């Protein structure tokens, strides 16, 4: 029996006390490390095929992941020195073939595989489905940066779509209260399972349908958040209907699903992707303390700039004052003296100016006389009379011609007036005196009035629209008072 064997020796019917004496107790660490050595000896080198999930690229350079199939799963670790030599980059949903040794992690009493090599065995079913859907939505332009809405810099209301019982909502609320105290509206929904995609999409549409200024304030930005998990746990956020609801939302949406290494379909269609839910709260809100510090800094800079301007003006004023006399009266003395001298000369100058204008007026007025003005007026009158005598006949003939044309047009207009029919014609009117111009306006049995040049008569429409045309009366039988040729008797 080796040191790693834990089978009791001795007869089966031996008392427990004797058995305990023959098999002394060991510590938990001794048992864990003994199991570790056993696993490494029995499974020193294995080759596994499975689908990767829960990939964690640690800051130390190591990679932690899980290999699984439809019935089981095993944890795996890739040491920093082996990461660069891998044939493929570990990603969730990728089906791979790995080579390594089985060992255990005594601190948690769990076994794992230390992966040395990795090669792709083909995309997993979930990853292949996701890639097809991603290519479809990308072809429709839903991933284009130009259609994304900018995140508001100073939101008054932040909407959060997540589970109300998880740690995610507490982290978001705590982070927002630290940075930018504002109103937060939580739309509770499940974030895992078959119903998750429909509830999240309904929450997005619900926030989007809120009316600004209504009883429930409309959020300025919405965060869709969930903690980390496997591909299957996050698969609800790869739903096509949910992705289209995110793309159609008018409110800017920040997706914060999973950890930094997790990528879902709504990350591509949302307006902004956050690595974690806490990071989403930081993207959605500014830091109030930083803004207050910036405003205070601006105030200090403004005060310093104003002080520098005042000091500069004060220095320039002092420099200009050095060139001035000691007393302000000395500065104004010389201009005042010049003003006094100019004022003393102003009266005599005005008198000389008036005298010059009087002499010029006397010179001009000497050349003017009443007879000279009369001769100018008579000469202009003669020219006007000659002009009138020359063009008067022409204007008279033109006026006479225009008067004749106007009279002819007036007679023609009077002849065309329907209110005064010419002989041989009649005007059809309704009982209220309205003129009827078309046959379509008449109804069978309707009472009408026929207005002639010499009087009017009443009549009634018989409704016959296809009667024979009236016959012309022979010219030799025409009698006074009978209708003109070509017109039937209306009575």
Protein backbone atom coordinates (compact mmCIF):
# COMPACT_ATOMS: atom_id res chain seq x y z
CA UNK A 1 0.00 0.00 0.00
CA UNK A 2 1.42 3.40 -1.07
CA UNK A 3 1.23 6.69 0.77
CA UNK A 4 -1.53 7.83 -1.60
CA UNK A 5 -3.84 4.87 -0.79
CA UNK A 6 -6.66 5.52 1.65
CA UNK A 7 -8.16 1.97 2.00
CA UNK A 8 -8.46 0.71 5.57
CA UNK A 9 -6.37 -2.42 6.34
CA UNK A 10 -7.47 -5.24 8.60
CA UNK A 11 -10.59 -7.36 8.89
CA UNK A 12 -13.89 -5.82 8.00
CA UNK A 13 -15.36 -6.70 11.39
CA UNK A 14 -12.63 -4.90 13.31
CA UNK A 15 -13.92 -2.16 15.58
CA UNK A 16 -13.85 1.43 14.26
CA UNK A 17 -11.44 2.48 16.96
CA UNK A 18 -8.85 -0.05 15.72
CA UNK A 19 -9.39 1.15 12.12
CA UNK A 20 -8.84 4.76 13.13
CA UNK A 21 -5.66 3.76 14.90
CA UNK A 22 -4.34 1.94 11.78
CA UNK A 23 -5.20 4.89 9.42
CA UNK A 24 -4.09 8.10 11.09
CA UNK A 25 -5.89 11.31 9.99
CA UNK A 26 -4.37 13.54 7.35
CA UNK A 27 -4.78 17.27 6.75
CA UNK A 28 -6.94 18.68 3.99
CA UNK A 29 -3.83 19.99 2.22
CA UNK A 30 -2.22 16.52 2.29
CA UNK A 31 -5.35 14.97 0.76
CA UNK A 32 -5.68 17.72 -1.90
CA UNK A 33 -2.08 17.47 -3.02
CA UNK A 34 -2.23 13.65 -3.00
CA UNK A 35 -5.26 13.83 -5.33
CA UNK A 36 -3.39 16.33 -7.48
CA UNK A 37 -0.45 13.94 -7.88
CA UNK A 38 -2.81 11.06 -8.67
CA UNK A 39 -4.58 13.04 -11.42
CA UNK A 40 -1.32 14.16 -12.96
CA UNK A 41 0.08 10.61 -12.94
CA UNK A 42 -3.05 8.99 -14.38
CA UNK A 43 -3.86 11.74 -16.93
CA UNK A 44 -0.44 13.15 -17.69
CA UNK A 45 -1.30 14.11 -21.27
CA UNK A 46 -4.82 14.29 -22.80
CA UNK A 47 -6.43 15.66 -25.96
CA UNK A 48 -9.94 17.15 -25.63
CA UNK A 49 -12.53 18.56 -27.99
CA UNK A 50 -15.16 21.01 -26.80
CA UNK A 51 -16.70 24.45 -27.07
CA UNK A 52 -15.10 27.40 -25.30
CA UNK A 53 -17.10 29.54 -22.88
CA UNK A 54 -16.41 32.01 -20.05
CA UNK A 55 -13.11 33.26 -21.44
CA UNK A 56 -11.19 35.53 -19.02
CA UNK A 57 -7.98 37.19 -20.18
CA UNK A 58 -6.37 37.99 -16.83
CA UNK A 59 -4.18 41.05 -16.32
CA UNK A 60 -1.28 38.71 -15.51
CA UNK A 61 -1.37 37.35 -19.07
CA UNK A 62 -2.93 33.99 -18.18
CA UNK A 63 -6.18 32.91 -19.82
CA UNK A 64 -8.92 31.12 -17.89
CA UNK A 65 -11.79 29.41 -19.71
CA UNK A 66 -14.26 26.53 -19.67
CA UNK A 67 -14.45 23.66 -22.19
CA UNK A 68 -17.88 22.06 -22.51
CA UNK A 69 -20.03 19.79 -24.58
CA UNK A 70 -23.71 18.99 -24.29
CA UNK A 71 -23.28 16.96 -21.05
CA UNK A 72 -20.24 18.13 -19.12
CA UNK A 73 -17.74 20.94 -18.64
CA UNK A 74 -14.17 21.31 -17.41
CA UNK A 75 -12.21 24.40 -16.39
CA UNK A 76 -9.06 25.21 -18.28
CA UNK A 77 -6.09 27.50 -17.87
CA UNK A 78 -3.49 28.67 -20.39
CA UNK A 79 -0.31 29.99 -18.81
CA UNK A 80 1.13 33.24 -20.08
CA UNK A 81 4.06 31.52 -21.83
CA UNK A 82 1.73 29.28 -23.88
CA UNK A 83 -0.74 31.99 -24.98
CA UNK A 84 1.49 33.35 -27.75
CA UNK A 85 2.02 29.89 -29.25
CA UNK A 86 -1.67 29.00 -29.62
CA UNK A 87 -2.99 28.36 -33.09
CA UNK A 88 -6.22 30.32 -32.45
CA UNK A 89 -7.30 33.07 -30.08
CA UNK A 90 -9.66 31.72 -27.39
CA UNK A 91 -13.15 33.13 -27.91
CA UNK A 92 -16.51 32.12 -26.46
CA UNK A 93 -18.50 29.84 -28.73
CA UNK A 94 -15.46 28.55 -30.64
CA UNK A 95 -15.13 24.76 -30.91
CA UNK A 96 -11.50 23.72 -30.42
CA UNK A 97 -9.21 20.73 -29.89
CA UNK A 98 -6.78 21.25 -27.02
CA UNK A 99 -3.84 19.29 -25.69
CA UNK A 100 -2.67 19.46 -22.09
CA UNK A 101 -2.48 17.72 -18.73
CA UNK A 102 -5.13 17.24 -16.10
CA UNK A 103 -4.42 18.68 -12.68
CA UNK A 104 -6.34 20.05 -9.73
CA UNK A 105 -6.57 23.38 -7.95
CA UNK A 106 -6.28 22.46 -4.28
CA UNK A 107 -7.56 25.80 -3.01
CA UNK A 108 -11.01 25.03 -4.45
CA UNK A 109 -10.82 21.22 -4.65
CA UNK A 110 -11.58 21.33 -8.39
CA UNK A 111 -9.81 19.74 -11.30
CA UNK A 112 -8.81 21.47 -14.51
CA UNK A 113 -6.78 21.07 -17.67
CA UNK A 114 -3.61 23.03 -18.26
CA UNK A 115 -3.77 23.73 -22.00
CA UNK A 116 -0.56 23.69 -23.98
CA UNK A 117 -1.82 23.72 -27.59
CA UNK A 118 -5.11 24.72 -29.18
CA UNK A 119 -6.48 24.39 -32.70
CA UNK A 120 -9.84 25.24 -34.18
CA UNK A 121 -12.25 22.36 -34.72
CA UNK A 122 -14.87 24.52 -36.43
CA UNK A 123 -17.25 27.15 -35.14
CA UNK A 124 -19.76 26.07 -32.58
CA UNK A 125 -23.44 25.98 -33.45
CA UNK A 126 -24.22 29.09 -31.43
CA UNK A 127 -21.27 31.04 -32.82
CA UNK A 128 -22.14 30.08 -36.41
CA UNK A 129 -25.74 31.19 -35.91
CA UNK A 130 -24.58 34.45 -34.40
CA UNK A 131 -22.18 35.16 -37.27
CA UNK A 132 -24.94 34.63 -39.85
CA UNK A 133 -27.26 37.01 -38.02
CA UNK A 134 -24.47 39.56 -37.57
CA UNK A 135 -23.71 39.51 -41.31
CA UNK A 136 -27.41 39.99 -42.10
CA UNK A 137 -27.82 43.05 -39.87
CA UNK A 138 -24.51 44.50 -41.01
CA UNK A 139 -25.71 44.22 -44.61
CA UNK A 140 -28.78 46.29 -43.66
CA UNK A 141 -26.54 49.06 -42.31
CA UNK A 142 -27.57 48.71 -38.65
CA UNK A 143 -23.93 48.74 -37.53
CA UNK A 144 -23.00 51.97 -39.35
CA UNK A 145 -21.48 54.65 -37.09
CA UNK A 146 -23.41 57.37 -38.92
CA UNK A 147 -26.79 56.17 -37.59
CA UNK A 148 -25.72 56.13 -33.92
CA UNK A 149 -27.03 58.89 -31.62
CA UNK A 150 -24.54 60.79 -29.44
CA UNK A 151 -24.82 60.28 -25.68
CA UNK A 152 -26.06 63.49 -23.95
CA UNK A 153 -23.38 65.18 -21.87
CA UNK A 154 -25.60 66.17 -18.92
CA UNK A 155 -28.58 63.77 -18.59
CA UNK A 156 -31.39 64.71 -16.23
CA UNK A 157 -32.99 61.25 -16.26
CA UNK A 158 -31.23 57.90 -16.80
CA UNK A 159 -33.20 54.75 -17.62
CA UNK A 160 -31.88 51.31 -16.67
CA UNK A 161 -33.17 48.01 -18.04
CA UNK A 162 -31.95 45.10 -15.91
CA UNK A 163 -32.92 42.68 -13.19
CA UNK A 164 -34.02 44.54 -10.03
CA UNK A 165 -32.56 41.89 -7.70
CA UNK A 166 -29.00 41.48 -8.99
CA UNK A 167 -25.79 43.24 -8.05
CA UNK A 168 -25.76 45.06 -11.40
CA UNK A 169 -28.44 47.59 -10.51
CA UNK A 170 -26.82 48.31 -7.14
CA UNK A 171 -23.47 48.97 -8.84
CA UNK A 172 -25.07 51.29 -11.40
CA UNK A 173 -27.06 53.25 -8.80
CA UNK A 174 -24.05 53.57 -6.53
CA UNK A 175 -21.82 54.78 -9.37
CA UNK A 176 -24.36 57.33 -10.65
CA UNK A 177 -24.98 58.72 -7.15
CA UNK A 178 -21.22 59.23 -6.73
CA UNK A 179 -20.69 60.95 -10.07
CA UNK A 180 -23.86 62.78 -11.13
CA UNK A 181 -26.86 62.72 -8.75
CA UNK A 182 -29.86 62.56 -11.07
CA UNK A 183 -33.14 60.70 -11.40
CA UNK A 184 -32.84 57.01 -12.32
CA UNK A 185 -35.82 55.01 -13.61
CA UNK A 186 -35.43 51.22 -13.50
CA UNK A 187 -37.51 49.03 -15.83
CA UNK A 188 -37.33 45.56 -14.22
CA UNK A 189 -37.11 42.51 -16.46
CA UNK A 190 -35.45 39.11 -16.60
CA UNK A 191 -32.05 39.07 -18.28
CA UNK A 192 -31.66 35.34 -18.91
CA UNK A 193 -33.81 32.70 -20.50
CA UNK A 194 -36.37 32.53 -23.27
CA UNK A 195 -38.44 35.48 -22.02
CA UNK A 196 -35.51 37.84 -21.55
CA UNK A 197 -35.24 39.11 -25.15
CA UNK A 198 -38.94 39.97 -25.39
CA UNK A 199 -39.02 41.75 -22.03
CA UNK A 200 -35.91 43.81 -22.78
CA UNK A 201 -37.27 44.79 -26.21
CA UNK A 202 -40.62 45.77 -24.63
CA UNK A 203 -38.79 47.88 -22.04
CA UNK A 204 -36.88 49.72 -24.77
CA UNK A 205 -40.07 50.46 -26.67
CA UNK A 206 -41.77 51.50 -23.42
CA UNK A 207 -39.07 54.04 -22.58
CA UNK A 208 -39.11 55.29 -26.17
CA UNK A 209 -42.89 55.86 -26.10
CA UNK A 210 -42.84 58.10 -23.02
CA UNK A 211 -43.86 61.69 -23.70
CA UNK A 212 -41.40 64.43 -22.70
CA UNK A 213 -42.88 66.42 -19.82
CA UNK A 214 -45.37 63.66 -18.95
CA UNK A 215 -46.10 62.17 -15.50
CA UNK A 216 -43.22 59.71 -15.99
CA UNK A 217 -40.17 61.60 -17.29
CA UNK A 218 -38.64 60.35 -20.52
CA UNK A 219 -35.00 59.23 -20.02
CA UNK A 220 -32.25 61.10 -21.82
CA UNK A 221 -30.21 57.88 -22.08
CA UNK A 222 -30.99 54.19 -21.44
CA UNK A 223 -28.60 51.52 -20.11
CA UNK A 224 -29.25 47.84 -20.91
CA UNK A 225 -27.21 45.95 -18.34
CA UNK A 226 -26.48 42.39 -17.21
CA UNK A 227 -23.65 40.66 -15.39
CA UNK A 228 -21.23 38.21 -16.93
CA UNK A 229 -22.01 34.63 -17.88
CA UNK A 230 -21.56 31.95 -20.47
CA UNK A 231 -22.60 32.21 -24.10
CA UNK A 232 -25.83 30.46 -23.25
CA UNK A 233 -26.52 32.87 -20.36
CA UNK A 234 -26.03 35.91 -22.61
CA UNK A 235 -27.71 34.43 -25.68
CA UNK A 236 -30.93 36.39 -25.13
CA UNK A 237 -29.04 39.56 -26.08
CA UNK A 238 -28.20 38.03 -29.49
CA UNK A 239 -31.89 37.97 -30.45
CA UNK A 240 -32.69 39.59 -33.82
CA UNK A 241 -35.92 41.23 -32.66
CA UNK A 242 -34.12 42.77 -29.66
CA UNK A 243 -31.31 44.04 -31.89
CA UNK A 244 -33.82 45.71 -34.22
CA UNK A 245 -35.62 47.30 -31.25
CA UNK A 246 -32.32 48.76 -30.04
CA UNK A 247 -31.52 50.06 -33.54
CA UNK A 248 -34.97 51.68 -33.92
CA UNK A 249 -34.95 53.43 -30.52
CA UNK A 250 -34.89 57.22 -30.57
CA UNK A 251 -33.32 57.43 -27.09
CA UNK A 252 -29.55 56.81 -27.03
CA UNK A 253 -28.84 53.30 -25.69
CA UNK A 254 -25.71 52.04 -23.93
CA UNK A 255 -25.24 48.26 -23.91
CA UNK A 256 -23.47 46.84 -20.85
CA UNK A 257 -23.97 43.09 -21.10
CA UNK A 258 -21.41 40.80 -19.49
CA UNK A 259 -17.79 41.52 -18.82
CA UNK A 260 -15.31 43.30 -21.07
CA UNK A 261 -14.53 40.15 -23.07
CA UNK A 262 -18.20 39.28 -23.65
CA UNK A 263 -19.70 40.50 -26.92
CA UNK A 264 -23.37 40.29 -27.88
CA UNK A 265 -25.34 41.41 -30.91
CA UNK A 266 -26.82 44.49 -29.25
CA UNK A 267 -23.27 45.79 -28.67
CA UNK A 268 -23.03 46.41 -32.42
CA UNK A 269 -26.43 48.14 -32.88
CA UNK A 270 -26.42 50.20 -29.67
CA UNK A 271 -25.22 53.78 -29.68
CA UNK A 272 -22.39 52.99 -27.26
CA UNK A 273 -20.92 49.81 -25.76
CA UNK A 274 -19.65 49.72 -22.19
CA UNK A 275 -17.20 47.07 -20.94
CA UNK A 276 -19.15 46.59 -17.69
CA UNK A 277 -22.38 47.89 -16.12
CA UNK A 278 -20.31 50.18 -13.90
CA UNK A 279 -18.56 51.47 -17.01
CA UNK A 280 -21.98 52.18 -18.56
CA UNK A 281 -22.86 54.39 -15.59
CA UNK A 282 -19.59 56.26 -16.10
CA UNK A 283 -20.27 56.73 -19.84
CA UNK A 284 -23.83 57.95 -19.22
CA UNK A 285 -22.98 60.55 -16.57
CA UNK A 286 -20.28 63.17 -16.09
CA UNK A 287 -18.44 63.73 -12.82
CA UNK A 288 -20.12 66.59 -10.95
CA UNK A 289 -17.03 67.26 -8.85
CA UNK A 290 -14.89 67.57 -11.99
CA UNK A 291 -17.36 70.02 -13.52
CA UNK A 292 -17.45 72.07 -10.35
CA UNK A 293 -13.66 72.11 -10.26
CA UNK A 294 -13.54 73.15 -13.92
CA UNK A 295 -16.03 75.98 -13.32
CA UNK A 296 -14.03 77.13 -10.31
CA UNK A 297 -10.86 77.04 -12.38
CA UNK A 298 -12.54 79.11 -15.09
CA UNK A 299 -13.62 81.63 -12.46
CA UNK A 300 -10.07 81.89 -11.14
CA UNK A 301 -8.66 82.29 -14.63
CA UNK A 302 -11.28 84.94 -15.43
CA UNK A 303 -10.43 86.86 -12.26
CA UNK A 304 -6.72 86.68 -13.06
CA UNK A 305 -7.28 87.79 -16.65
CA UNK A 306 -9.45 90.71 -15.50
CA UNK A 307 -6.83 91.69 -12.97
CA UNK A 308 -4.11 91.61 -15.61
CA UNK A 309 -6.19 93.79 -17.95
CA UNK A 310 -6.85 96.35 -15.19
CA UNK A 311 -3.18 96.41 -14.23
CA UNK A 312 -2.18 96.87 -17.88
CA UNK A 313 -4.62 99.78 -18.30
CA UNK A 314 -3.41 101.30 -15.02
CA UNK A 315 0.22 101.08 -16.17
CA UNK A 316 -0.57 102.64 -19.53
CA UNK A 317 -2.51 105.43 -17.81
CA UNK A 318 0.43 106.15 -15.50
CA UNK A 319 2.81 106.25 -18.47
CA UNK A 320 0.53 108.68 -20.34
CA UNK A 321 0.16 110.83 -17.25
CA UNK A 322 3.92 111.37 -17.06
CA UNK A 323 3.79 113.43 -20.27
CA UNK A 324 1.15 115.80 -18.88
CA UNK A 325 1.91 119.01 -16.93
CA UNK A 326 1.65 119.03 -13.23
CA UNK A 327 -1.66 121.00 -13.26
CA UNK A 328 -4.65 120.15 -15.54
CA UNK A 329 -5.25 123.90 -16.02
CA UNK A 330 -1.95 124.17 -17.88
CA UNK A 331 -3.19 121.62 -20.45
CA UNK A 332 -6.31 123.68 -21.23
CA UNK A 333 -4.70 127.16 -21.05
CA UNK A 334 -3.41 127.31 -24.65
CA UNK A 335 -6.63 126.03 -26.29
CA UNK A 336 -8.68 128.47 -24.21
CA UNK A 337 -6.47 131.33 -25.39
CA UNK A 338 -6.92 130.32 -29.02
CA UNK A 339 -10.68 130.13 -28.49
CA UNK A 340 -10.77 133.63 -27.01
CA UNK A 341 -8.84 135.07 -29.97
CA UNK A 342 -11.14 133.33 -32.47
CA UNK A 343 -14.23 134.63 -30.65
CA UNK A 344 -12.96 138.20 -30.71
CA UNK A 345 -12.50 138.03 -34.49
CA UNK A 346 -15.84 136.33 -35.18
CA UNK A 347 -18.05 139.49 -35.06
CA UNK A 348 -16.01 141.52 -37.54
CA UNK A 349 -15.65 138.50 -39.82
CA UNK A 350 -19.42 137.99 -39.92
CA UNK A 351 -19.96 141.65 -40.77
CA UNK A 352 -17.44 141.48 -43.61
CA UNK A 353 -19.17 138.35 -44.93
CA UNK A 354 -22.62 140.01 -44.89
CA UNK A 355 -21.22 143.08 -46.63
CA UNK A 356 -19.72 140.97 -49.39
CA UNK A 357 -23.03 139.21 -50.03
CA UNK A 358 -24.84 142.57 -50.13
CA UNK A 359 -22.44 143.89 -52.78
CA UNK A 360 -22.90 140.78 -54.91
CA UNK A 361 -26.71 141.07 -54.62
CA UNK A 362 -26.60 144.73 -55.65
CA UNK A 363 -24.49 143.87 -58.69
CA UNK A 364 -26.90 141.15 -59.82
CA UNK A 365 -30.09 143.09 -59.08
CA UNK A 366 -28.86 146.00 -61.20
CA UNK A 367 -29.11 143.80 -64.27
CA UNK A 368 -32.74 142.79 -63.48
CA UNK A 369 -35.82 144.89 -64.52
CA UNK A 370 -39.57 144.42 -64.97
CA UNK A 371 -39.36 144.82 -68.75
CA UNK A 372 -36.66 142.15 -69.01
CA UNK A 373 -38.78 139.65 -67.08
CA UNK A 374 -41.86 140.45 -69.22
CA UNK A 375 -39.90 139.85 -72.42
CA UNK A 376 -38.77 136.43 -71.16
CA UNK A 377 -42.37 135.53 -70.24
CA UNK A 378 -43.73 136.68 -73.60
CA UNK A 379 -41.09 134.71 -75.47
CA UNK A 380 -41.99 131.50 -73.55
CA UNK A 381 -45.71 132.16 -74.17
CA UNK A 382 -45.13 132.51 -77.91
CA UNK A 383 -43.27 129.22 -78.01
CA UNK A 384 -46.07 127.44 -76.13
CA UNK A 385 -48.73 128.92 -78.45
CA UNK A 386 -46.82 127.84 -81.57
CA UNK A 387 -46.51 124.32 -80.18
CA UNK A 388 -50.27 124.16 -79.44
CA UNK A 389 -51.19 125.47 -82.90
CA UNK A 390 -48.97 122.86 -84.50
CA UNK A 391 -50.30 119.78 -82.68
CA UNK A 392 -53.93 120.79 -81.97
CA UNK A 393 -55.42 119.36 -85.25
CA UNK A 394 -53.62 116.07 -84.77
CA UNK A 395 -54.85 115.69 -81.22
CA UNK A 396 -58.39 116.65 -82.23
CA UNK A 397 -58.51 114.00 -84.97
CA UNK A 398 -57.13 111.37 -82.61
CA UNK A 399 -59.73 112.18 -79.95
CA UNK A 400 -62.54 112.01 -82.51
CA UNK A 401 -61.32 108.63 -83.78
CA UNK A 402 -61.12 107.23 -80.23
CA UNK A 403 -64.61 108.55 -79.43
CA UNK A 404 -66.03 106.78 -82.52
CA UNK A 405 -64.37 103.50 -81.56
CA UNK A 406 -65.66 103.80 -78.01
CA UNK A 407 -69.22 104.39 -79.24
CA UNK A 408 -69.03 101.35 -81.54
CA UNK A 409 -67.78 99.14 -78.72
CA UNK A 410 -70.54 100.43 -76.44
CA UNK A 411 -73.19 99.52 -79.04
CA UNK A 412 -71.66 96.06 -79.51
CA UNK A 413 -71.57 95.55 -75.74
CA UNK A 414 -75.20 96.59 -75.42
CA UNK A 415 -76.13 94.11 -78.16
CA UNK A 416 -74.37 91.28 -76.31
CA UNK A 417 -75.99 92.03 -72.96
CA UNK A 418 -78.11 88.97 -72.08
CA UNK A 419 -80.46 91.13 -70.00
CA UNK A 420 -81.67 92.89 -73.15
CA UNK A 421 -82.32 90.15 -75.74
CA UNK A 422 -82.38 91.09 -79.40
CA UNK A 423 -85.43 90.39 -81.50
CA UNK A 424 -85.65 86.69 -82.29
CA UNK A 425 -83.87 85.67 -79.07
CA UNK A 426 -85.09 84.91 -75.57
CA UNK A 427 -83.43 84.65 -72.15
CA UNK A 428 -84.40 81.68 -69.95
CA UNK A 429 -84.79 82.54 -66.26
CA UNK A 430 -85.84 80.61 -63.18
CA UNK A 431 -88.78 81.74 -61.08
CA UNK A 432 -86.46 83.83 -58.86
CA UNK A 433 -85.00 85.66 -61.90
CA UNK A 434 -81.69 83.75 -62.15
CA UNK A 435 -80.55 83.25 -65.73
CA UNK A 436 -80.23 79.60 -66.90
CA UNK A 437 -77.43 79.18 -69.44
CA UNK A 438 -77.31 75.37 -70.02
CA UNK A 439 -79.86 72.64 -70.67
CA UNK A 440 -78.33 70.49 -67.94
CA UNK A 441 -79.52 73.03 -65.36
CA UNK A 442 -83.19 72.39 -66.27
CA UNK A 443 -85.38 69.72 -64.70
CA UNK A 444 -88.53 68.17 -66.25
CA UNK A 445 -91.63 70.04 -65.08
CA UNK A 446 -89.59 73.04 -63.90
CA UNK A 447 -91.33 76.41 -64.22
CA UNK A 448 -89.26 78.99 -66.13
CA UNK A 449 -89.71 82.48 -67.56
CA UNK A 450 -88.78 83.47 -71.14
CA UNK A 451 -87.68 87.07 -71.51
CA UNK A 452 -87.93 88.63 -75.03
CA UNK A 453 -86.95 92.03 -76.26
CA UNK A 454 -90.57 93.21 -76.03
CA UNK A 455 -91.74 91.32 -72.92
CA UNK A 456 -91.66 87.98 -71.06
CA UNK A 457 -93.80 84.80 -70.86
CA UNK A 458 -94.05 81.89 -68.40
CA UNK A 459 -93.31 78.32 -69.54
CA UNK A 460 -92.73 74.81 -68.14
CA UNK A 461 -90.10 72.27 -69.22
CA UNK A 462 -91.67 69.07 -70.70
CA UNK A 463 -88.54 66.92 -70.32
CA UNK A 464 -88.30 65.90 -73.99
CA UNK A 465 -84.61 66.11 -75.01
CA UNK A 466 -84.86 64.31 -78.37
CA UNK A 467 -87.64 66.12 -80.18
CA UNK A 468 -87.43 66.78 -83.95
CA UNK A 469 -85.85 70.03 -85.06
CA UNK A 470 -88.32 72.81 -85.87
CA UNK A 471 -89.35 73.17 -89.50
CA UNK A 472 -88.75 76.41 -91.35
CA UNK A 473 -91.87 78.26 -92.30
CA UNK A 474 -92.14 79.09 -96.02
CA UNK A 475 -91.01 82.61 -96.79
CA UNK A 476 -94.27 83.38 -98.66
CA UNK A 477 -96.42 82.47 -95.61
CA UNK A 478 -94.58 84.64 -93.10
CA UNK A 479 -96.95 86.91 -91.23
CA UNK A 480 -96.35 89.81 -88.96
CA UNK A 481 -95.84 88.66 -85.40
CA UNK A 482 -94.80 85.11 -86.42
CA UNK A 483 -91.37 83.74 -85.32
CA UNK A 484 -88.42 84.53 -87.56
CA UNK A 485 -87.26 81.87 -90.04
CA UNK A 486 -85.20 79.12 -88.41
CA UNK A 487 -86.81 79.57 -84.97
CA UNK A 488 -89.73 77.42 -83.75
CA UNK A 489 -92.69 78.65 -81.83
CA UNK A 490 -91.88 78.39 -78.13
CA UNK A 491 -95.57 78.40 -77.14
